[in-house]
Amino acid sequence: MACSPGFSGSLKAGRPATLFSAALSDVHASCPWYFLSGGLVLAIGRGTYRISFGKPAGSSDGDELETLSAMRHAGRRWRQALSAEPDLARTPAQHE
């Protein structure tokens, strides 16, 4: 699966862009511990895609803790959207 046509142009222009088009049932998402919830890995068909919700460490112009917090927040929202779980931020004990 390749990126949708016009993806980078849309991003540069500040317009919404579609990167992948697949049925949710065909998407497997995981969040390895070393991503610190700031990214995820998507498996779609035969492709595997690493997604980061921020710039690489050391490249931020602002507060790195604030950047990490924003990345983790985005990661939680994505995992929630890709999962049947209503709130992945809660611990297993909170689900009971």
PDB file of N, CA and C in Angstrom:
ATOM      1  N   MET A   1       0.858  -1.166   0.000  1.00  0.00           N
ATOM      2  CA  MET A   1       0.000   0.000   0.000  1.00  0.00           C
ATOM      3  C   MET A   1       0.906   1.232   0.000  1.00  0.00           C
ATOM      4  N   ALA A   2       0.667   2.124  -0.877  1.00  0.00           N
ATOM      5  CA  ALA A   2       1.449   3.363  -0.961  1.00  0.00           C
ATOM      6  C   ALA A   2       0.652   4.513  -0.351  1.00  0.00           C
ATOM      7  N   CYS A   3       1.358   5.593  -0.063  1.00  0.00           N
ATOM      8  CA  CYS A   3       0.673   6.792   0.448  1.00  0.00           C
ATOM      9  C   CYS A   3      -0.333   7.275  -0.582  1.00  0.00           C
ATOM     10  N   SER A   4      -1.390   7.853  -0.076  1.00  0.00           N
ATOM     11  CA  SER A   4      -2.413   8.406  -0.965  1.00  0.00           C
ATOM     12  C   SER A   4      -1.821   9.537  -1.801  1.00  0.00           C
ATOM     13  N   PRO A   5      -2.237   9.665  -3.066  1.00  0.00           N
ATOM     14  CA  PRO A   5      -1.741  10.760  -3.902  1.00  0.00           C
ATOM     15  C   PRO A   5      -2.069  12.125  -3.284  1.00  0.00           C
ATOM     16  N   GLY A   6      -1.121  13.042  -3.356  1.00  0.00           N
ATOM     17  CA  GLY A   6      -1.345  14.385  -2.848  1.00  0.00           C
ATOM     18  C   GLY A   6      -1.209  14.534  -1.345  1.00  0.00           C
ATOM     19  N   PHE A   7      -0.771  13.481  -0.660  1.00  0.00           N
ATOM     20  CA  PHE A   7      -0.696  13.510   0.797  1.00  0.00           C
ATOM     21  C   PHE A   7       0.220  14.616   1.310  1.00  0.00           C
ATOM     22  N   SER A   8       1.459  14.644   0.843  1.00  0.00           N
ATOM     23  CA  SER A   8       2.407  15.645   1.361  1.00  0.00           C
ATOM     24  C   SER A   8       1.989  17.059   0.984  1.00  0.00           C
ATOM     25  N   GLY A   9       1.433  17.248  -0.209  1.00  0.00           N
ATOM     26  CA  GLY A   9       0.962  18.576  -0.614  1.00  0.00           C
ATOM     27  C   GLY A   9      -0.159  19.075   0.287  1.00  0.00           C
ATOM     28  N   SER A  10      -1.062  18.172   0.650  1.00  0.00           N
ATOM     29  CA  SER A  10      -2.156  18.547   1.556  1.00  0.00           C
ATOM     30  C   SER A  10      -1.620  18.936   2.925  1.00  0.00           C
ATOM     31  N   LEU A  11      -0.670  18.168   3.433  1.00  0.00           N
ATOM     32  CA  LEU A  11      -0.082  18.493   4.738  1.00  0.00           C
ATOM     33  C   LEU A  11       0.608  19.854   4.721  1.00  0.00           C
ATOM     34  N   LYS A  12       1.388  20.092   3.683  1.00  0.00           N
ATOM     35  CA  LYS A  12       2.103  21.372   3.587  1.00  0.00           C
ATOM     36  C   LYS A  12       1.144  22.550   3.512  1.00  0.00           C
ATOM     37  N   ALA A  13      -0.015  22.344   2.899  1.00  0.00           N
ATOM     38  CA  ALA A  13      -1.006  23.412   2.756  1.00  0.00           C
ATOM     39  C   ALA A  13      -1.914  23.514   3.986  1.00  0.00           C
ATOM     40  N   GLY A  14      -1.712  22.622   4.969  1.00  0.00           N
ATOM     41  CA  GLY A  14      -2.532  22.662   6.177  1.00  0.00           C
ATOM     42  C   GLY A  14      -3.920  22.087   5.996  1.00  0.00           C
ATOM     43  N   ARG A  15      -4.100  21.297   4.931  1.00  0.00           N
ATOM     44  CA  ARG A  15      -5.399  20.677   4.679  1.00  0.00           C
ATOM     45  C   ARG A  15      -5.404  19.254   5.243  1.00  0.00           C
ATOM     46  N   PRO A  16      -6.583  18.739   5.615  1.00  0.00           N
ATOM     47  CA  PRO A  16      -6.660  17.339   6.045  1.00  0.00           C
ATOM     48  C   PRO A  16      -6.175  16.428   4.929  1.00  0.00           C
ATOM     49  N   ALA A  17      -5.558  15.324   5.305  1.00  0.00           N
ATOM     50  CA  ALA A  17      -5.025  14.399   4.311  1.00  0.00           C
ATOM     51  C   ALA A  17      -5.272  12.964   4.757  1.00  0.00           C
ATOM     52  N   THR A  18      -5.498  12.100   3.800  1.00  0.00           N
ATOM     53  CA  THR A  18      -5.672  10.676   4.070  1.00  0.00           C
ATOM     54  C   THR A  18      -4.389   9.960   3.703  1.00  0.00           C
ATOM     55  N   LEU A  19      -3.804   9.284   4.681  1.00  0.00           N
ATOM     56  CA  LEU A  19      -2.572   8.545   4.420  1.00  0.00           C
ATOM     57  C   LEU A  19      -2.871   7.111   4.019  1.00  0.00           C
ATOM     58  N   PHE A  20      -3.805   6.470   4.741  1.00  0.00           N
ATOM     59  CA  PHE A  20      -4.188   5.096   4.450  1.00  0.00           C
ATOM     60  C   PHE A  20      -5.697   5.030   4.286  1.00  0.00           C
ATOM     61  N   SER A  21      -6.137   4.110   3.465  1.00  0.00           N
ATOM     62  CA  SER A  21      -7.565   3.859   3.331  1.00  0.00           C
ATOM     63  C   SER A  21      -7.762   2.353   3.445  1.00  0.00           C
ATOM     64  N   ALA A  22      -8.253   1.930   4.611  1.00  0.00           N
ATOM     65  CA  ALA A  22      -8.472   0.507   4.865  1.00  0.00           C
ATOM     66  C   ALA A  22      -9.609   0.362   5.859  1.00  0.00           C
ATOM     67  N   ALA A  23     -10.290  -0.770   5.795  1.00  0.00           N
ATOM     68  CA  ALA A  23     -11.334  -1.054   6.780  1.00  0.00           C
ATOM     69  C   ALA A  23     -10.682  -1.212   8.146  1.00  0.00           C
ATOM     70  N   LEU A  24     -11.312  -0.705   9.179  1.00  0.00           N
ATOM     71  CA  LEU A  24     -10.761  -0.797  10.532  1.00  0.00           C
ATOM     72  C   LEU A  24     -10.493  -2.246  10.918  1.00  0.00           C
ATOM     73  N   SER A  25     -11.320  -3.160  10.443  1.00  0.00           N
ATOM     74  CA  SER A  25     -11.121  -4.579  10.754  1.00  0.00           C
ATOM     75  C   SER A  25      -9.840  -5.134  10.124  1.00  0.00           C
ATOM     76  N   ASP A  26      -9.281  -4.447   9.133  1.00  0.00           N
ATOM     77  CA  ASP A  26      -8.044  -4.874   8.478  1.00  0.00           C
ATOM     78  C   ASP A  26      -6.797  -4.241   9.086  1.00  0.00           C
ATOM     79  N   VAL A  27      -6.975  -3.393  10.106  1.00  0.00           N
ATOM     80  CA  VAL A  27      -5.861  -2.677  10.720  1.00  0.00           C
ATOM     81  C   VAL A  27      -5.552  -3.288  12.078  1.00  0.00           C
ATOM     82  N   HIS A  28      -4.289  -3.668  12.268  1.00  0.00           N
ATOM     83  CA  HIS A  28      -3.835  -4.137  13.580  1.00  0.00           C
ATOM     84  C   HIS A  28      -2.868  -3.088  14.121  1.00  0.00           C
ATOM     85  N   ALA A  29      -3.196  -2.529  15.277  1.00  0.00           N
ATOM     86  CA  ALA A  29      -2.357  -1.487  15.884  1.00  0.00           C
ATOM     87  C   ALA A  29      -1.702  -2.024  17.138  1.00  0.00           C
ATOM     88  N   SER A  30      -0.436  -1.668  17.332  1.00  0.00           N
ATOM     89  CA  SER A  30       0.259  -1.999  18.571  1.00  0.00           C
ATOM     90  C   SER A  30       1.094  -0.797  18.985  1.00  0.00           C
ATOM     91  N   CYS A  31       1.380  -0.750  20.258  1.00  0.00           N
ATOM     92  CA  CYS A  31       2.178   0.346  20.804  1.00  0.00           C
ATOM     93  C   CYS A  31       3.298  -0.261  21.638  1.00  0.00           C
ATOM     94  N   PRO A  32       4.463  -0.482  21.037  1.00  0.00           N
ATOM     95  CA  PRO A  32       5.574  -1.047  21.802  1.00  0.00           C
ATOM     96  C   PRO A  32       5.932  -0.149  22.991  1.00  0.00           C
ATOM     97  N   TRP A  33       6.358  -0.742  24.085  1.00  0.00           N
ATOM     98  CA  TRP A  33       6.651   0.019  25.297  1.00  0.00           C
ATOM     99  C   TRP A  33       7.673   1.115  25.051  1.00  0.00           C
ATOM    100  N   TYR A  34       8.634   0.869  24.158  1.00  0.00           N
ATOM    101  CA  TYR A  34       9.698   1.840  23.929  1.00  0.00           C
ATOM    102  C   TYR A  34       9.232   3.057  23.132  1.00  0.00           C
ATOM    103  N   PHE A  35       7.993   3.066  22.654  1.00  0.00           N
ATOM    104  CA  PHE A  35       7.428   4.266  22.018  1.00  0.00           C
ATOM    105  C   PHE A  35       6.868   5.221  23.073  1.00  0.00           C
ATOM    106  N   LEU A  36       6.777   4.762  24.336  1.00  0.00           N
ATOM    107  CA  LEU A  36       6.284   5.581  25.446  1.00  0.00           C
ATOM    108  C   LEU A  36       4.908   6.179  25.150  1.00  0.00           C
ATOM    109  N   SER A  37       4.086   5.442  24.421  1.00  0.00           N
ATOM    110  CA  SER A  37       2.745   5.862  24.009  1.00  0.00           C
ATOM    111  C   SER A  37       2.764   7.057  23.058  1.00  0.00           C
ATOM    112  N   GLY A  38       3.932   7.432  22.563  1.00  0.00           N
ATOM    113  CA  GLY A  38       4.041   8.566  21.655  1.00  0.00           C
ATOM    114  C   GLY A  38       4.022   8.175  20.193  1.00  0.00           C
ATOM    115  N   GLY A  39       3.656   6.940  19.925  1.00  0.00           N
ATOM    116  CA  GLY A  39       3.587   6.459  18.556  1.00  0.00           C
ATOM    117  C   GLY A  39       2.986   5.077  18.536  1.00  0.00           C
ATOM    118  N   LEU A  40       2.834   4.531  17.360  1.00  0.00           N
ATOM    119  CA  LEU A  40       2.303   3.182  17.257  1.00  0.00           C
ATOM    120  C   LEU A  40       2.764   2.529  15.972  1.00  0.00           C
ATOM    121  N   VAL A  41       2.513   1.246  15.896  1.00  0.00           N
ATOM    122  CA  VAL A  41       2.846   0.471  14.705  1.00  0.00           C
ATOM    123  C   VAL A  41       1.527  -0.040  14.130  1.00  0.00           C
ATOM    124  N   LEU A  42       1.322   0.223  12.866  1.00  0.00           N
ATOM    125  CA  LEU A  42       0.118  -0.254  12.180  1.00  0.00           C
ATOM    126  C   LEU A  42       0.505  -1.350  11.202  1.00  0.00           C
ATOM    127  N   ALA A  43      -0.221  -2.441  11.245  1.00  0.00           N
ATOM    128  CA  ALA A  43      -0.070  -3.503  10.255  1.00  0.00           C
ATOM    129  C   ALA A  43      -1.343  -3.498   9.423  1.00  0.00           C
ATOM    130  N   ILE A  44      -1.183  -3.215   8.139  1.00  0.00           N
ATOM    131  CA  ILE A  44      -2.309  -3.164   7.213  1.00  0.00           C
ATOM    132  C   ILE A  44      -1.945  -4.041   6.020  1.00  0.00           C
ATOM    133  N   GLY A  45      -2.673  -5.129   5.872  1.00  0.00           N
ATOM    134  CA  GLY A  45      -2.329  -6.054   4.802  1.00  0.00           C
ATOM    135  C   GLY A  45      -0.922  -6.584   5.020  1.00  0.00           C
ATOM    136  N   ARG A  46      -0.081  -6.473   4.009  1.00  0.00           N
ATOM    137  CA  ARG A  46       1.308  -6.937   4.116  1.00  0.00           C
ATOM    138  C   ARG A  46       2.263  -5.855   4.606  1.00  0.00           C
ATOM    139  N   GLY A  47       1.760  -4.636   4.767  1.00  0.00           N
ATOM    140  CA  GLY A  47       2.617  -3.524   5.172  1.00  0.00           C
ATOM    141  C   GLY A  47       2.613  -3.280   6.672  1.00  0.00           C
ATOM    142  N   THR A  48       3.755  -2.834   7.168  1.00  0.00           N
ATOM    143  CA  THR A  48       3.893  -2.429   8.562  1.00  0.00           C
ATOM    144  C   THR A  48       4.409  -1.002   8.561  1.00  0.00           C
ATOM    145  N   TYR A  49       3.765  -0.133   9.344  1.00  0.00           N
ATOM    146  CA  TYR A  49       4.067   1.293   9.331  1.00  0.00           C
ATOM    147  C   TYR A  49       4.306   1.791  10.754  1.00  0.00           C
ATOM    148  N   ARG A  50       5.447   2.418  10.974  1.00  0.00           N
ATOM    149  CA  ARG A  50       5.753   3.017  12.268  1.00  0.00           C
ATOM    150  C   ARG A  50       5.312   4.479  12.227  1.00  0.00           C
ATOM    151  N   ILE A  51       4.461   4.855  13.170  1.00  0.00           N
ATOM    152  CA  ILE A  51       3.917   6.200  13.228  1.00  0.00           C
ATOM    153  C   ILE A  51       4.392   6.863  14.519  1.00  0.00           C
ATOM    154  N   SER A  52       4.969   8.051  14.405  1.00  0.00           N
ATOM    155  CA  SER A  52       5.369   8.832  15.573  1.00  0.00           C
ATOM    156  C   SER A  52       4.523  10.095  15.603  1.00  0.00           C
ATOM    157  N   PHE A  53       4.116  10.496  16.800  1.00  0.00           N
ATOM    158  CA  PHE A  53       3.287  11.684  16.934  1.00  0.00           C
ATOM    159  C   PHE A  53       4.096  12.915  17.313  1.00  0.00           C
ATOM    160  N   GLY A  54       5.386  12.878  17.079  1.00  0.00           N
ATOM    161  CA  GLY A  54       6.225  14.028  17.379  1.00  0.00           C
ATOM    162  C   GLY A  54       7.553  13.941  16.653  1.00  0.00           C
ATOM    163  N   LYS A  55       8.352  14.952  16.842  1.00  0.00           N
ATOM    164  CA  LYS A  55       9.679  14.990  16.240  1.00  0.00           C
ATOM    165  C   LYS A  55      10.627  14.086  17.022  1.00  0.00           C
ATOM    166  N   PRO A  56      11.723  13.659  16.400  1.00  0.00           N
ATOM    167  CA  PRO A  56      12.703  12.844  17.121  1.00  0.00           C
ATOM    168  C   PRO A  56      13.258  13.592  18.337  1.00  0.00           C
ATOM    169  N   ALA A  57      13.658  12.832  19.344  1.00  0.00           N
ATOM    170  CA  ALA A  57      14.217  13.419  20.567  1.00  0.00           C
ATOM    171  C   ALA A  57      15.382  14.343  20.227  1.00  0.00           C
ATOM    172  N   GLY A  58      15.434  15.485  20.889  1.00  0.00           N
ATOM    173  CA  GLY A  58      16.521  16.438  20.680  1.00  0.00           C
ATOM    174  C   GLY A  58      16.287  17.413  19.533  1.00  0.00           C
ATOM    175  N   SER A  59      15.227  17.241  18.766  1.00  0.00           N
ATOM    176  CA  SER A  59      14.993  18.133  17.630  1.00  0.00           C
ATOM    177  C   SER A  59      13.903  19.164  17.904  1.00  0.00           C
ATOM    178  N   SER A  60      13.316  19.103  19.093  1.00  0.00           N
ATOM    179  CA  SER A  60      12.226  20.017  19.427  1.00  0.00           C
ATOM    180  C   SER A  60      12.766  21.387  19.810  1.00  0.00           C
ATOM    181  N   ASP A  61      12.056  22.427  19.400  1.00  0.00           N
ATOM    182  CA  ASP A  61      12.441  23.791  19.756  1.00  0.00           C
ATOM    183  C   ASP A  61      11.881  24.181  21.117  1.00  0.00           C
ATOM    184  N   GLY A  62      10.892  23.435  21.612  1.00  0.00           N
ATOM    185  CA  GLY A  62      10.218  23.810  22.850  1.00  0.00           C
ATOM    186  C   GLY A  62      10.568  22.881  23.990  1.00  0.00           C
ATOM    187  N   ASP A  63       9.697  22.836  24.959  1.00  0.00           N
ATOM    188  CA  ASP A  63       9.845  22.012  26.134  1.00  0.00           C
ATOM    189  C   ASP A  63       9.643  20.542  25.756  1.00  0.00           C
ATOM    190  N   GLU A  64      10.678  19.709  25.950  1.00  0.00           N
ATOM    191  CA  GLU A  64      10.580  18.308  25.545  1.00  0.00           C
ATOM    192  C   GLU A  64       9.552  17.540  26.359  1.00  0.00           C
ATOM    193  N   LEU A  65       9.360  17.878  27.636  1.00  0.00           N
ATOM    194  CA  LEU A  65       8.342  17.200  28.434  1.00  0.00           C
ATOM    195  C   LEU A  65       6.940  17.541  27.935  1.00  0.00           C
ATOM    196  N   GLU A  66       6.751  18.784  27.536  1.00  0.00           N
ATOM    197  CA  GLU A  66       5.459  19.190  26.977  1.00  0.00           C
ATOM    198  C   GLU A  66       5.216  18.470  25.656  1.00  0.00           C
ATOM    199  N   THR A  67       6.261  18.345  24.854  1.00  0.00           N
ATOM    200  CA  THR A  67       6.153  17.643  23.577  1.00  0.00           C
ATOM    201  C   THR A  67       5.816  16.177  23.809  1.00  0.00           C
ATOM    202  N   LEU A  68       6.491  15.538  24.765  1.00  0.00           N
ATOM    203  CA  LEU A  68       6.218  14.134  25.071  1.00  0.00           C
ATOM    204  C   LEU A  68       4.786  13.965  25.565  1.00  0.00           C
ATOM    205  N   SER A  69       4.328  14.878  26.386  1.00  0.00           N
ATOM    206  CA  SER A  69       2.952  14.821  26.885  1.00  0.00           C
ATOM    207  C   SER A  69       1.949  14.892  25.728  1.00  0.00           C
ATOM    208  N   ALA A  70       2.176  15.791  24.787  1.00  0.00           N
ATOM    209  CA  ALA A  70       1.286  15.921  23.627  1.00  0.00           C
ATOM    210  C   ALA A  70       1.329  14.654  22.769  1.00  0.00           C
ATOM    211  N   MET A  71       2.515  14.070  22.613  1.00  0.00           N
ATOM    212  CA  MET A  71       2.660  12.837  21.841  1.00  0.00           C
ATOM    213  C   MET A  71       1.886  11.698  22.501  1.00  0.00           C
ATOM    214  N   ARG A  72       2.011  11.578  23.813  1.00  0.00           N
ATOM    215  CA  ARG A  72       1.322  10.513  24.541  1.00  0.00           C
ATOM    216  C   ARG A  72      -0.195  10.698  24.478  1.00  0.00           C
ATOM    217  N   HIS A  73      -0.649  11.934  24.545  1.00  0.00           N
ATOM    218  CA  HIS A  73      -2.072  12.210  24.439  1.00  0.00           C
ATOM    219  C   HIS A  73      -2.594  11.775  23.061  1.00  0.00           C
ATOM    220  N   ALA A  74      -1.853  12.130  22.019  1.00  0.00           N
ATOM    221  CA  ALA A  74      -2.243  11.723  20.661  1.00  0.00           C
ATOM    222  C   ALA A  74      -2.247  10.201  20.537  1.00  0.00           C
ATOM    223  N   GLY A  75      -1.250   9.546  21.124  1.00  0.00           N
ATOM    224  CA  GLY A  75      -1.171   8.089  21.083  1.00  0.00           C
ATOM    225  C   GLY A  75      -2.367   7.434  21.746  1.00  0.00           C
ATOM    226  N   ARG A  76      -2.772   7.972  22.902  1.00  0.00           N
ATOM    227  CA  ARG A  76      -3.952   7.437  23.590  1.00  0.00           C
ATOM    228  C   ARG A  76      -5.207   7.590  22.727  1.00  0.00           C
ATOM    229  N   ARG A  77      -5.365   8.752  22.100  1.00  0.00           N
ATOM    230  CA  ARG A  77      -6.550   8.971  21.253  1.00  0.00           C
ATOM    231  C   ARG A  77      -6.566   8.011  20.070  1.00  0.00           C
ATOM    232  N   TRP A  78      -5.407   7.786  19.447  1.00  0.00           N
ATOM    233  CA  TRP A  78      -5.344   6.870  18.312  1.00  0.00           C
ATOM    234  C   TRP A  78      -5.631   5.442  18.740  1.00  0.00           C
ATOM    235  N   ARG A  79      -5.035   5.011  19.852  1.00  0.00           N
ATOM    236  CA  ARG A  79      -5.291   3.647  20.316  1.00  0.00           C
ATOM    237  C   ARG A  79      -6.763   3.464  20.660  1.00  0.00           C
ATOM    238  N   GLN A  80      -7.363   4.476  21.245  1.00  0.00           N
ATOM    239  CA  GLN A  80      -8.782   4.416  21.573  1.00  0.00           C
ATOM    240  C   GLN A  80      -9.616   4.311  20.291  1.00  0.00           C
ATOM    241  N   ALA A  81      -9.261   5.083  19.279  1.00  0.00           N
ATOM    242  CA  ALA A  81     -10.008   5.067  18.016  1.00  0.00           C
ATOM    243  C   ALA A  81      -9.858   3.732  17.281  1.00  0.00           C
ATOM    244  N   LEU A  82      -8.701   3.078  17.435  1.00  0.00           N
ATOM    245  CA  LEU A  82      -8.433   1.829  16.721  1.00  0.00           C
ATOM    246  C   LEU A  82      -8.816   0.588  17.516  1.00  0.00           C
ATOM    247  N   SER A  83      -9.396   0.767  18.680  1.00  0.00           N
ATOM    248  CA  SER A  83      -9.680  -0.354  19.560  1.00  0.00           C
ATOM    249  C   SER A  83     -11.160  -0.411  19.914  1.00  0.00           C
ATOM    250  N   ALA A  84     -11.582  -1.575  20.352  1.00  0.00           N
ATOM    251  CA  ALA A  84     -12.949  -1.712  20.859  1.00  0.00           C
ATOM    252  C   ALA A  84     -13.028  -1.230  22.304  1.00  0.00           C
ATOM    253  N   GLU A  85     -11.872  -1.052  22.956  1.00  0.00           N
ATOM    254  CA  GLU A  85     -11.836  -0.573  24.338  1.00  0.00           C
ATOM    255  C   GLU A  85     -12.299   0.875  24.378  1.00  0.00           C
ATOM    256  N   PRO A  86     -13.179   1.240  25.298  1.00  0.00           N
ATOM    257  CA  PRO A  86     -13.658   2.614  25.374  1.00  0.00           C
ATOM    258  C   PRO A  86     -12.616   3.593  25.886  1.00  0.00           C
ATOM    259  N   ASP A  87     -11.677   3.146  26.718  1.00  0.00           N
ATOM    260  CA  ASP A  87     -10.686   4.064  27.271  1.00  0.00           C
ATOM    261  C   ASP A  87      -9.429   3.289  27.637  1.00  0.00           C
ATOM    262  N   LEU A  88      -8.449   3.278  26.748  1.00  0.00           N
ATOM    263  CA  LEU A  88      -7.219   2.525  26.990  1.00  0.00           C
ATOM    264  C   LEU A  88      -6.314   3.183  28.007  1.00  0.00           C
ATOM    265  N   ALA A  89      -6.592   4.406  28.395  1.00  0.00           N
ATOM    266  CA  ALA A  89      -5.742   5.098  29.365  1.00  0.00           C
ATOM    267  C   ALA A  89      -5.979   4.559  30.772  1.00  0.00           C
ATOM    268  N   ARG A  90      -7.113   3.893  30.996  1.00  0.00           N
ATOM    269  CA  ARG A  90      -7.393   3.349  32.316  1.00  0.00           C
ATOM    270  C   ARG A  90      -6.640   2.057  32.535  1.00  0.00           C
ATOM    271  N   THR A  91      -6.345   1.744  33.783  1.00  0.00           N
ATOM    272  CA  THR A  91      -5.678   0.498  34.131  1.00  0.00           C
ATOM    273  C   THR A  91      -6.681  -0.631  34.101  1.00  0.00           C
ATOM    274  N   PRO A  92      -6.237  -1.905  34.028  1.00  0.00           N
ATOM    275  CA  PRO A  92      -7.185  -3.018  34.030  1.00  0.00           C
ATOM    276  C   PRO A  92      -8.096  -3.005  35.259  1.00  0.00           C
ATOM    277  N   ALA A  93      -7.583  -2.611  36.419  1.00  0.00           N
ATOM    278  CA  ALA A  93      -8.399  -2.563  37.631  1.00  0.00           C
ATOM    279  C   ALA A  93      -9.539  -1.569  37.506  1.00  0.00           C
ATOM    280  N   GLN A  94      -9.329  -0.489  36.763  1.00  0.00           N
ATOM    281  CA  GLN A  94     -10.357   0.511  36.576  1.00  0.00           C
ATOM    282  C   GLN A  94     -11.456   0.041  35.643  1.00  0.00           C
ATOM    283  N   HIS A  95     -11.178  -0.983  34.828  1.00  0.00           N
ATOM    284  CA  HIS A  95     -12.179  -1.517  33.912  1.00  0.00           C
ATOM    285  C   HIS A  95     -13.171  -2.422  34.633  1.00  0.00           C
ATOM    286  N   GLU A  96     -12.827  -2.897  35.825  1.00  0.00           N
ATOM    287  CA  GLU A  96     -13.691  -3.833  36.555  1.00  0.00           C
ATOM    288  C   GLU A  96     -14.819  -3.119  37.255  1.00  0.00           C
TER     289      GLU A  96
END
